[in-house]
Amino acid sequence: MKRILVVDDDPATRALVAEVLQALDYEVQSACNGAEALAKIRSAPPDLMLVDLRLPVMNGRQLLAACRADRVCAAIPVIVLSAASSEACALAREYRAPLVAKPFDIAPLLATVQELEDSERRPALRS
């Protein structure tokens, strides 16, 4: 079973995504900010992270930068969850991560998760 970390400050989004992924036999952890996510990554690295960019305490950009600097975390594939702004698109390109625009339908998000799981191409945070 793949472990997925959902990082989003909106409790409803975290709960919905976690519920759907768990129904598909994924083990899901969640975090409401980047600092909490980093602590969870360091204690039990997930196989995939879904990261919102607008987070309190440590935002998504800061979280991804911290992960890029960490050998274990840098190997974890990421899906960026954010409004499709030019900043979000640029960040997704920088980290070679798919962008799922918010608000999102669950089907495209699940398709992106499945594509990353099935693919040999595993986007890493290393530059």
Foldseek 3Di string as FASTA:
>chain_A
DFEEEEEALDPVVLVVLCVVVVVVVYHYDYHNALVVVVVVCVVPNGQEYEAEQDGPPAGPVRSLVVLQVDPSSQQRAYEYEEAPDPVSVVSCVLQVHHYAHPPHDVVVVVVSVVCCVPDPDGGGRHD
